[in-house]
């Protein structure tokens, strides 16, 4: 038996104001998307914004459905829209923000497992990492230089 230690490195910012101006703009786009999410069941709104290498910003928000699990997370809504609308563009940066209608969301909320896998697919496809920034409604913002920091043991197409 051999033990393997997996480490990750993340950057933590005090709040959105500590981010560079271009990331603040991207996070504000995610906040606007979050505020129009359709989340009548979970009461948990999520918004995502992706900066592409063609300078387009694509947004997405969670879309729920009474027929669980037919809804879709904000991150995958944005990723799949970017992939459909701009199939040759690379995804450079993603901002994610989440808020609960039931309590104050003051901790950074990372993407769920399904969204991590979807982001991984596009990092592999474009052979380039995607910077990921995530936060709650207020407070700290976490930056990951790549999805592999959040999902170090990727399931990828090379095993199929």
N, C-alpha and C. Protein backbone atom coordinates (compact mmCIF):
# COMPACT_ATOMS: atom_id res chain seq x y z
N UNK A 1 0.85 -1.18 0.00
CA UNK A 1 0.00 0.00 0.00
C UNK A 1 0.89 1.24 0.00
N UNK A 2 0.44 2.21 -0.77
CA UNK A 2 1.16 3.48 -0.83
C UNK A 2 0.15 4.58 -0.56
N UNK A 3 0.48 5.47 0.31
CA UNK A 3 -0.40 6.60 0.60
C UNK A 3 0.00 7.77 -0.28
N UNK A 4 -1.01 8.43 -0.85
CA UNK A 4 -0.78 9.58 -1.71
C UNK A 4 -1.49 10.78 -1.09
N UNK A 5 -0.77 11.87 -0.98
CA UNK A 5 -1.36 13.09 -0.43
C UNK A 5 -1.67 14.04 -1.59
N UNK A 6 -2.89 14.53 -1.63
CA UNK A 6 -3.31 15.47 -2.67
C UNK A 6 -3.49 16.83 -2.02
N UNK A 7 -2.83 17.83 -2.56
CA UNK A 7 -2.94 19.19 -2.03
C UNK A 7 -3.52 20.11 -3.09
N UNK A 8 -4.10 21.18 -2.63
CA UNK A 8 -4.64 22.17 -3.55
C UNK A 8 -4.27 23.56 -3.05
N UNK A 9 -4.25 24.50 -3.95
CA UNK A 9 -3.95 25.89 -3.60
C UNK A 9 -5.07 26.77 -4.11
N UNK A 10 -5.60 27.58 -3.22
CA UNK A 10 -6.66 28.52 -3.55
C UNK A 10 -6.25 29.90 -3.04
N UNK A 11 -6.75 30.94 -3.68
CA UNK A 11 -6.55 32.30 -3.18
C UNK A 11 -7.85 32.75 -2.55
N UNK A 12 -7.75 33.45 -1.41
CA UNK A 12 -8.95 33.93 -0.73
C UNK A 12 -8.85 35.44 -0.60
N UNK A 13 -9.87 36.12 -1.11
CA UNK A 13 -9.95 37.57 -1.06
C UNK A 13 -10.96 37.96 0.02
N UNK A 14 -10.72 39.07 0.68
CA UNK A 14 -11.59 39.51 1.77
C UNK A 14 -13.02 39.74 1.30
N UNK A 15 -13.16 40.37 0.15
CA UNK A 15 -14.48 40.61 -0.45
C UNK A 15 -14.29 40.99 -1.92
N UNK A 16 -15.39 41.25 -2.58
CA UNK A 16 -15.36 41.54 -4.02
C UNK A 16 -14.50 42.77 -4.35
N UNK A 17 -14.41 43.72 -3.42
CA UNK A 17 -13.65 44.94 -3.67
C UNK A 17 -12.15 44.69 -3.76
N UNK A 18 -11.68 43.58 -3.27
CA UNK A 18 -10.25 43.25 -3.33
C UNK A 18 -9.87 42.64 -4.69
N UNK A 19 -10.86 42.27 -5.48
CA UNK A 19 -10.60 41.67 -6.79
C UNK A 19 -10.19 42.74 -7.80
N UNK A 20 -9.51 42.34 -8.86
CA UNK A 20 -9.18 43.28 -9.93
C UNK A 20 -10.48 43.77 -10.57
N UNK A 21 -10.41 44.90 -11.24
CA UNK A 21 -11.63 45.50 -11.79
C UNK A 21 -12.30 44.60 -12.82
N UNK A 22 -11.53 43.87 -13.63
CA UNK A 22 -12.15 43.00 -14.63
C UNK A 22 -12.89 41.83 -13.97
N UNK A 23 -12.38 41.33 -12.85
CA UNK A 23 -13.07 40.24 -12.16
C UNK A 23 -14.29 40.78 -11.41
N UNK A 24 -14.21 42.01 -10.92
CA UNK A 24 -15.38 42.62 -10.29
C UNK A 24 -16.51 42.75 -11.30
N UNK A 25 -16.19 43.15 -12.52
CA UNK A 25 -17.20 43.26 -13.58
C UNK A 25 -17.81 41.89 -13.85
N UNK A 26 -16.97 40.86 -13.93
CA UNK A 26 -17.46 39.50 -14.18
C UNK A 26 -18.34 39.03 -13.03
N UNK A 27 -17.91 39.29 -11.78
CA UNK A 27 -18.71 38.87 -10.62
C UNK A 27 -20.03 39.64 -10.58
N UNK A 28 -20.01 40.90 -10.95
CA UNK A 28 -21.26 41.67 -10.98
C UNK A 28 -22.22 41.11 -12.03
N UNK A 29 -21.70 40.61 -13.14
CA UNK A 29 -22.56 39.95 -14.13
C UNK A 29 -23.18 38.69 -13.53
N UNK A 30 -22.38 37.95 -12.75
CA UNK A 30 -22.89 36.75 -12.08
C UNK A 30 -23.95 37.12 -11.04
N UNK A 31 -23.75 38.23 -10.34
CA UNK A 31 -24.72 38.70 -9.35
C UNK A 31 -26.04 39.05 -10.03
N UNK A 32 -25.98 39.76 -11.15
CA UNK A 32 -27.19 40.09 -11.90
C UNK A 32 -27.90 38.82 -12.36
N UNK A 33 -27.15 37.84 -12.82
CA UNK A 33 -27.74 36.56 -13.24
C UNK A 33 -28.36 35.86 -12.04
N UNK A 34 -27.68 35.87 -10.90
CA UNK A 34 -28.20 35.24 -9.68
C UNK A 34 -29.55 35.84 -9.29
N UNK A 35 -29.65 37.16 -9.43
CA UNK A 35 -30.87 37.85 -9.00
C UNK A 35 -32.08 37.54 -9.87
N UNK A 36 -31.86 36.92 -11.03
CA UNK A 36 -33.00 36.54 -11.89
C UNK A 36 -33.14 35.02 -12.02
N UNK A 37 -32.48 34.28 -11.13
CA UNK A 37 -32.59 32.82 -11.15
C UNK A 37 -34.03 32.40 -10.87
N UNK A 38 -34.38 31.23 -11.36
CA UNK A 38 -35.71 30.66 -11.11
C UNK A 38 -35.53 29.52 -10.12
N UNK A 39 -35.75 29.82 -8.83
CA UNK A 39 -35.50 28.84 -7.77
C UNK A 39 -36.65 28.81 -6.76
N UNK A 40 -37.87 28.54 -7.23
CA UNK A 40 -39.01 28.56 -6.31
C UNK A 40 -39.03 27.40 -5.31
N UNK A 41 -38.29 26.34 -5.57
CA UNK A 41 -38.33 25.15 -4.71
C UNK A 41 -37.20 25.16 -3.68
N UNK A 42 -35.99 25.37 -4.12
CA UNK A 42 -34.85 25.38 -3.20
C UNK A 42 -34.69 26.72 -2.49
N UNK A 43 -35.20 27.78 -3.11
CA UNK A 43 -35.01 29.14 -2.61
C UNK A 43 -33.51 29.48 -2.51
N UNK A 44 -32.73 28.88 -3.41
CA UNK A 44 -31.28 29.06 -3.43
C UNK A 44 -30.89 29.50 -4.84
N UNK A 45 -30.61 30.79 -4.98
CA UNK A 45 -30.32 31.38 -6.29
C UNK A 45 -28.82 31.37 -6.56
N UNK A 46 -28.47 30.96 -7.76
CA UNK A 46 -27.06 30.92 -8.17
C UNK A 46 -26.94 31.60 -9.53
N UNK A 47 -25.88 32.39 -9.66
CA UNK A 47 -25.57 33.03 -10.94
C UNK A 47 -24.14 32.74 -11.32
N UNK A 48 -23.89 32.63 -12.61
CA UNK A 48 -22.54 32.40 -13.12
C UNK A 48 -22.30 33.29 -14.33
N UNK A 49 -21.08 33.71 -14.49
CA UNK A 49 -20.67 34.49 -15.67
C UNK A 49 -19.32 33.97 -16.13
N UNK A 50 -19.19 33.79 -17.43
CA UNK A 50 -17.95 33.26 -18.01
C UNK A 50 -17.39 34.26 -19.01
N UNK A 51 -16.11 34.57 -18.86
CA UNK A 51 -15.40 35.40 -19.82
C UNK A 51 -14.73 34.49 -20.83
N UNK A 52 -15.04 34.73 -22.11
CA UNK A 52 -14.46 33.94 -23.20
C UNK A 52 -13.28 34.67 -23.82
N UNK A 53 -12.47 33.96 -24.56
CA UNK A 53 -11.29 34.58 -25.18
C UNK A 53 -11.64 35.52 -26.33
N UNK A 54 -12.90 35.57 -26.73
CA UNK A 54 -13.35 36.55 -27.73
C UNK A 54 -13.95 37.79 -27.05
N UNK A 55 -13.74 37.90 -25.73
CA UNK A 55 -14.21 39.00 -24.89
C UNK A 55 -15.71 39.02 -24.65
N UNK A 56 -16.41 37.99 -25.09
CA UNK A 56 -17.83 37.87 -24.76
C UNK A 56 -17.97 37.38 -23.32
N UNK A 57 -19.02 37.83 -22.65
CA UNK A 57 -19.37 37.33 -21.32
C UNK A 57 -20.70 36.62 -21.45
N UNK A 58 -20.71 35.37 -21.04
CA UNK A 58 -21.91 34.54 -21.09
C UNK A 58 -22.37 34.31 -19.67
N UNK A 59 -23.67 34.47 -19.43
CA UNK A 59 -24.19 34.27 -18.08
C UNK A 59 -25.14 33.08 -18.03
N UNK A 60 -25.36 32.62 -16.84
CA UNK A 60 -26.34 31.56 -16.60
C UNK A 60 -26.81 31.64 -15.16
N UNK A 61 -27.99 31.12 -14.91
CA UNK A 61 -28.48 31.02 -13.54
C UNK A 61 -29.25 29.72 -13.39
N UNK A 62 -29.47 29.32 -12.15
CA UNK A 62 -30.15 28.05 -11.96
C UNK A 62 -31.62 28.16 -12.36
N UNK A 63 -32.10 27.10 -12.97
CA UNK A 63 -33.46 27.00 -13.48
C UNK A 63 -34.07 25.72 -12.92
N UNK A 64 -34.98 25.86 -11.97
CA UNK A 64 -35.57 24.70 -11.32
C UNK A 64 -36.86 24.27 -12.01
N UNK A 65 -37.30 23.08 -11.68
CA UNK A 65 -38.50 22.51 -12.26
C UNK A 65 -39.16 21.64 -11.21
N UNK A 66 -40.49 21.65 -11.17
CA UNK A 66 -41.21 20.82 -10.21
C UNK A 66 -40.93 19.34 -10.41
N UNK A 67 -40.54 18.97 -11.61
CA UNK A 67 -40.19 17.58 -11.91
C UNK A 67 -38.70 17.39 -11.65
N UNK A 68 -38.37 17.20 -10.36
CA UNK A 68 -36.96 17.00 -10.00
C UNK A 68 -36.42 15.77 -10.69
N UNK A 69 -35.23 15.69 -11.18
CA UNK A 69 -34.17 16.70 -11.18
C UNK A 69 -34.04 17.39 -12.53
N UNK A 70 -35.14 17.81 -13.10
CA UNK A 70 -35.11 18.40 -14.45
C UNK A 70 -34.49 19.78 -14.52
N UNK A 71 -34.23 20.41 -13.40
CA UNK A 71 -33.62 21.73 -13.41
C UNK A 71 -32.15 21.67 -13.80
N UNK A 72 -31.53 22.83 -13.87
CA UNK A 72 -30.12 22.90 -14.24
C UNK A 72 -29.44 24.01 -13.44
N UNK A 73 -28.22 23.73 -13.02
CA UNK A 73 -27.42 24.68 -12.24
C UNK A 73 -26.96 25.85 -13.12
N UNK A 74 -26.64 26.95 -12.46
CA UNK A 74 -26.18 28.15 -13.16
C UNK A 74 -24.90 27.92 -13.95
N UNK A 75 -23.95 27.20 -13.34
CA UNK A 75 -22.67 26.99 -14.00
C UNK A 75 -22.84 26.20 -15.29
N UNK A 76 -23.64 25.14 -15.26
CA UNK A 76 -23.84 24.35 -16.47
C UNK A 76 -24.69 25.09 -17.48
N UNK A 77 -25.64 25.90 -17.03
CA UNK A 77 -26.42 26.71 -17.96
C UNK A 77 -25.48 27.63 -18.75
N UNK A 78 -24.56 28.29 -18.05
CA UNK A 78 -23.62 29.20 -18.70
C UNK A 78 -22.63 28.44 -19.60
N UNK A 79 -22.09 27.34 -19.09
CA UNK A 79 -21.10 26.57 -19.86
C UNK A 79 -21.70 26.04 -21.16
N UNK A 80 -22.88 25.46 -21.05
CA UNK A 80 -23.49 24.86 -22.24
C UNK A 80 -23.93 25.93 -23.24
N UNK A 81 -24.38 27.08 -22.73
CA UNK A 81 -24.72 28.17 -23.64
C UNK A 81 -23.47 28.66 -24.36
N UNK A 82 -22.37 28.84 -23.61
CA UNK A 82 -21.12 29.27 -24.23
C UNK A 82 -20.66 28.27 -25.27
N UNK A 83 -20.75 26.98 -24.94
CA UNK A 83 -20.34 25.94 -25.89
C UNK A 83 -21.20 25.90 -27.14
N UNK A 84 -22.50 26.21 -26.98
CA UNK A 84 -23.41 26.21 -28.13
C UNK A 84 -23.28 27.47 -28.98
N UNK A 85 -23.16 28.61 -28.34
CA UNK A 85 -23.13 29.89 -29.06
C UNK A 85 -21.74 30.21 -29.61
N UNK A 86 -20.70 29.86 -28.86
CA UNK A 86 -19.32 30.18 -29.25
C UNK A 86 -18.46 28.90 -29.16
N UNK A 87 -18.70 27.92 -30.03
CA UNK A 87 -18.04 26.62 -29.90
C UNK A 87 -16.52 26.66 -30.05
N UNK A 88 -15.97 27.68 -30.68
CA UNK A 88 -14.52 27.75 -30.87
C UNK A 88 -13.83 28.62 -29.83
N UNK A 89 -14.61 29.32 -29.03
CA UNK A 89 -14.03 30.22 -28.01
C UNK A 89 -13.58 29.43 -26.79
N UNK A 90 -12.51 29.89 -26.18
CA UNK A 90 -12.03 29.28 -24.94
C UNK A 90 -12.62 30.03 -23.76
N UNK A 91 -12.91 29.29 -22.71
CA UNK A 91 -13.43 29.87 -21.48
C UNK A 91 -12.23 30.21 -20.60
N UNK A 92 -12.11 31.49 -20.28
CA UNK A 92 -10.94 31.95 -19.52
C UNK A 92 -11.21 32.03 -18.02
N UNK A 93 -12.34 32.64 -17.66
CA UNK A 93 -12.63 32.90 -16.25
C UNK A 93 -14.12 32.70 -16.00
N UNK A 94 -14.42 32.21 -14.81
CA UNK A 94 -15.81 32.01 -14.42
C UNK A 94 -16.02 32.60 -13.02
N UNK A 95 -17.09 33.36 -12.86
CA UNK A 95 -17.48 33.91 -11.56
C UNK A 95 -18.81 33.27 -11.17
N UNK A 96 -18.90 32.87 -9.90
CA UNK A 96 -20.10 32.20 -9.39
C UNK A 96 -20.49 32.86 -8.07
N UNK A 97 -21.77 33.10 -7.89
CA UNK A 97 -22.28 33.64 -6.64
C UNK A 97 -23.61 32.97 -6.31
N UNK A 98 -23.83 32.76 -5.02
CA UNK A 98 -25.05 32.07 -4.58
C UNK A 98 -25.67 32.80 -3.40
N UNK A 99 -26.99 32.74 -3.33
CA UNK A 99 -27.71 33.34 -2.20
C UNK A 99 -28.89 32.47 -1.84
N UNK A 100 -29.14 32.41 -0.55
CA UNK A 100 -30.30 31.69 -0.04
C UNK A 100 -31.39 32.70 0.30
N UNK A 101 -32.62 32.36 -0.01
CA UNK A 101 -33.74 33.21 0.38
C UNK A 101 -34.13 32.96 1.84
N UNK A 102 -33.51 31.94 2.47
CA UNK A 102 -33.83 31.56 3.84
C UNK A 102 -32.81 32.01 4.88
N UNK A 103 -31.60 32.33 4.45
CA UNK A 103 -30.56 32.73 5.39
C UNK A 103 -29.52 33.55 4.65
N UNK A 104 -28.66 34.23 5.40
CA UNK A 104 -27.59 35.02 4.80
C UNK A 104 -26.48 34.08 4.34
N UNK A 105 -26.11 34.21 3.08
CA UNK A 105 -25.06 33.37 2.51
C UNK A 105 -23.77 34.19 2.50
N UNK A 106 -23.00 34.05 3.59
CA UNK A 106 -21.78 34.86 3.72
C UNK A 106 -20.50 34.04 3.60
N UNK A 107 -20.62 32.81 3.12
CA UNK A 107 -19.46 31.97 2.85
C UNK A 107 -19.37 31.70 1.35
N UNK A 108 -18.18 31.54 0.82
CA UNK A 108 -18.06 31.20 -0.60
C UNK A 108 -18.72 29.84 -0.89
N UNK A 109 -19.52 29.79 -1.95
CA UNK A 109 -20.23 28.58 -2.34
C UNK A 109 -19.59 28.05 -3.62
N UNK A 110 -18.90 26.91 -3.55
CA UNK A 110 -18.26 26.35 -4.74
C UNK A 110 -19.26 25.64 -5.64
N UNK A 111 -18.87 25.31 -6.87
CA UNK A 111 -19.77 24.56 -7.75
C UNK A 111 -20.02 23.15 -7.20
N UNK A 112 -21.20 22.63 -7.48
CA UNK A 112 -21.53 21.27 -7.07
C UNK A 112 -20.70 20.26 -7.88
N UNK A 113 -20.79 19.00 -7.52
CA UNK A 113 -20.01 17.96 -8.19
C UNK A 113 -20.32 17.84 -9.67
N UNK A 114 -21.60 17.90 -10.04
CA UNK A 114 -21.97 17.79 -11.46
C UNK A 114 -21.40 18.96 -12.26
N UNK A 115 -21.44 20.15 -11.68
CA UNK A 115 -20.89 21.32 -12.37
C UNK A 115 -19.37 21.24 -12.46
N UNK A 116 -18.73 20.71 -11.43
CA UNK A 116 -17.28 20.54 -11.49
C UNK A 116 -16.90 19.62 -12.64
N UNK A 117 -17.67 18.56 -12.82
CA UNK A 117 -17.38 17.63 -13.91
C UNK A 117 -17.59 18.31 -15.27
N UNK A 118 -18.64 19.14 -15.38
CA UNK A 118 -18.89 19.84 -16.64
C UNK A 118 -17.77 20.85 -16.94
N UNK A 119 -17.32 21.56 -15.91
CA UNK A 119 -16.22 22.50 -16.11
C UNK A 119 -14.96 21.74 -16.52
N UNK A 120 -14.73 20.60 -15.89
CA UNK A 120 -13.56 19.77 -16.23
C UNK A 120 -13.58 19.38 -17.70
N UNK A 121 -14.74 19.02 -18.20
CA UNK A 121 -14.86 18.62 -19.61
C UNK A 121 -14.36 19.73 -20.53
N UNK A 122 -14.72 20.98 -20.22
CA UNK A 122 -14.31 22.09 -21.07
C UNK A 122 -12.85 22.46 -20.87
N UNK A 123 -12.32 22.31 -19.66
CA UNK A 123 -10.87 22.52 -19.47
C UNK A 123 -10.09 21.52 -20.31
N UNK A 124 -10.52 20.27 -20.30
CA UNK A 124 -9.84 19.23 -21.09
C UNK A 124 -10.00 19.52 -22.58
N UNK A 125 -11.21 19.86 -22.99
CA UNK A 125 -11.48 20.13 -24.41
C UNK A 125 -10.61 21.26 -24.94
N UNK A 126 -10.47 22.33 -24.17
CA UNK A 126 -9.72 23.48 -24.66
C UNK A 126 -8.23 23.42 -24.27
N UNK A 127 -7.86 22.40 -23.50
CA UNK A 127 -6.47 22.21 -23.08
C UNK A 127 -5.92 23.47 -22.42
N UNK A 128 -6.76 24.07 -21.58
CA UNK A 128 -6.38 25.30 -20.90
C UNK A 128 -7.24 25.44 -19.65
N UNK A 129 -6.65 25.82 -18.52
CA UNK A 129 -7.44 25.95 -17.30
C UNK A 129 -8.43 27.11 -17.36
N UNK A 130 -9.45 27.02 -16.55
CA UNK A 130 -10.45 28.07 -16.39
C UNK A 130 -10.31 28.58 -14.96
N UNK A 131 -10.02 29.88 -14.80
CA UNK A 131 -9.98 30.46 -13.46
C UNK A 131 -11.41 30.50 -12.92
N UNK A 132 -11.59 30.11 -11.67
CA UNK A 132 -12.92 30.07 -11.08
C UNK A 132 -12.92 30.90 -9.80
N UNK A 133 -13.83 31.85 -9.73
CA UNK A 133 -14.03 32.69 -8.56
C UNK A 133 -15.42 32.38 -8.01
N UNK A 134 -15.52 32.19 -6.69
CA UNK A 134 -16.86 31.95 -6.14
C UNK A 134 -17.03 32.61 -4.78
N UNK A 135 -18.28 33.01 -4.53
CA UNK A 135 -18.63 33.71 -3.30
C UNK A 135 -20.10 33.48 -2.96
N UNK A 136 -20.49 33.90 -1.76
CA UNK A 136 -21.90 33.93 -1.38
C UNK A 136 -22.47 35.28 -1.80
N UNK A 137 -23.32 35.85 -0.97
CA UNK A 137 -23.87 37.18 -1.25
C UNK A 137 -22.87 38.25 -0.87
N UNK A 138 -22.14 37.97 0.19
CA UNK A 138 -21.14 38.93 0.67
C UNK A 138 -20.00 38.14 1.29
N UNK A 139 -18.95 38.87 1.62
CA UNK A 139 -17.83 38.23 2.30
C UNK A 139 -16.76 37.74 1.34
N UNK A 140 -16.04 36.73 1.77
CA UNK A 140 -14.87 36.24 1.06
C UNK A 140 -15.18 35.71 -0.34
N UNK A 141 -14.18 35.86 -1.19
CA UNK A 141 -14.22 35.32 -2.55
C UNK A 141 -13.04 34.37 -2.67
N UNK A 142 -13.30 33.17 -3.19
CA UNK A 142 -12.24 32.18 -3.40
C UNK A 142 -11.93 32.11 -4.89
N UNK A 143 -10.62 32.03 -5.18
CA UNK A 143 -10.16 31.87 -6.56
C UNK A 143 -9.41 30.55 -6.68
N UNK A 144 -9.77 29.79 -7.69
CA UNK A 144 -9.04 28.59 -8.07
C UNK A 144 -8.47 28.83 -9.46
N UNK A 145 -7.20 28.54 -9.65
CA UNK A 145 -6.57 28.75 -10.96
C UNK A 145 -7.04 27.75 -12.00
N UNK A 146 -7.64 26.66 -11.54
CA UNK A 146 -8.10 25.61 -12.44
C UNK A 146 -9.13 24.76 -11.71
N UNK A 147 -9.98 24.13 -12.47
CA UNK A 147 -10.94 23.21 -11.88
C UNK A 147 -10.24 22.06 -11.16
N UNK A 148 -9.06 21.70 -11.61
CA UNK A 148 -8.35 20.56 -10.99
C UNK A 148 -8.04 20.82 -9.51
N UNK A 149 -8.03 22.07 -9.07
CA UNK A 149 -7.87 22.36 -7.65
C UNK A 149 -9.12 21.97 -6.86
N UNK A 150 -10.27 21.98 -7.51
CA UNK A 150 -11.54 21.66 -6.85
C UNK A 150 -11.94 20.21 -7.07
N UNK A 151 -11.41 19.58 -8.10
CA UNK A 151 -11.72 18.19 -8.44
C UNK A 151 -10.43 17.53 -8.92
N UNK A 152 -9.54 17.19 -7.98
CA UNK A 152 -8.21 16.74 -8.40
C UNK A 152 -8.18 15.38 -9.11
N UNK A 153 -9.12 14.52 -8.90
CA UNK A 153 -9.13 13.21 -9.58
C UNK A 153 -10.22 13.22 -10.63
N UNK A 154 -9.89 13.74 -11.79
CA UNK A 154 -10.87 13.93 -12.86
C UNK A 154 -11.28 12.61 -13.51
N UNK A 155 -12.55 12.52 -13.85
CA UNK A 155 -13.03 11.47 -14.74
C UNK A 155 -13.03 12.10 -16.12
N UNK A 156 -12.27 11.54 -17.04
CA UNK A 156 -12.18 12.16 -18.36
C UNK A 156 -12.33 11.12 -19.46
N UNK A 157 -12.55 11.61 -20.67
CA UNK A 157 -12.86 10.76 -21.81
C UNK A 157 -11.74 9.78 -22.17
N UNK A 158 -10.53 10.04 -21.76
CA UNK A 158 -9.43 9.14 -22.12
C UNK A 158 -9.60 7.75 -21.52
N UNK A 159 -10.45 7.60 -20.51
CA UNK A 159 -10.66 6.29 -19.90
C UNK A 159 -11.80 5.52 -20.57
N UNK A 160 -12.51 6.16 -21.47
CA UNK A 160 -13.67 5.51 -22.11
C UNK A 160 -13.25 4.55 -23.21
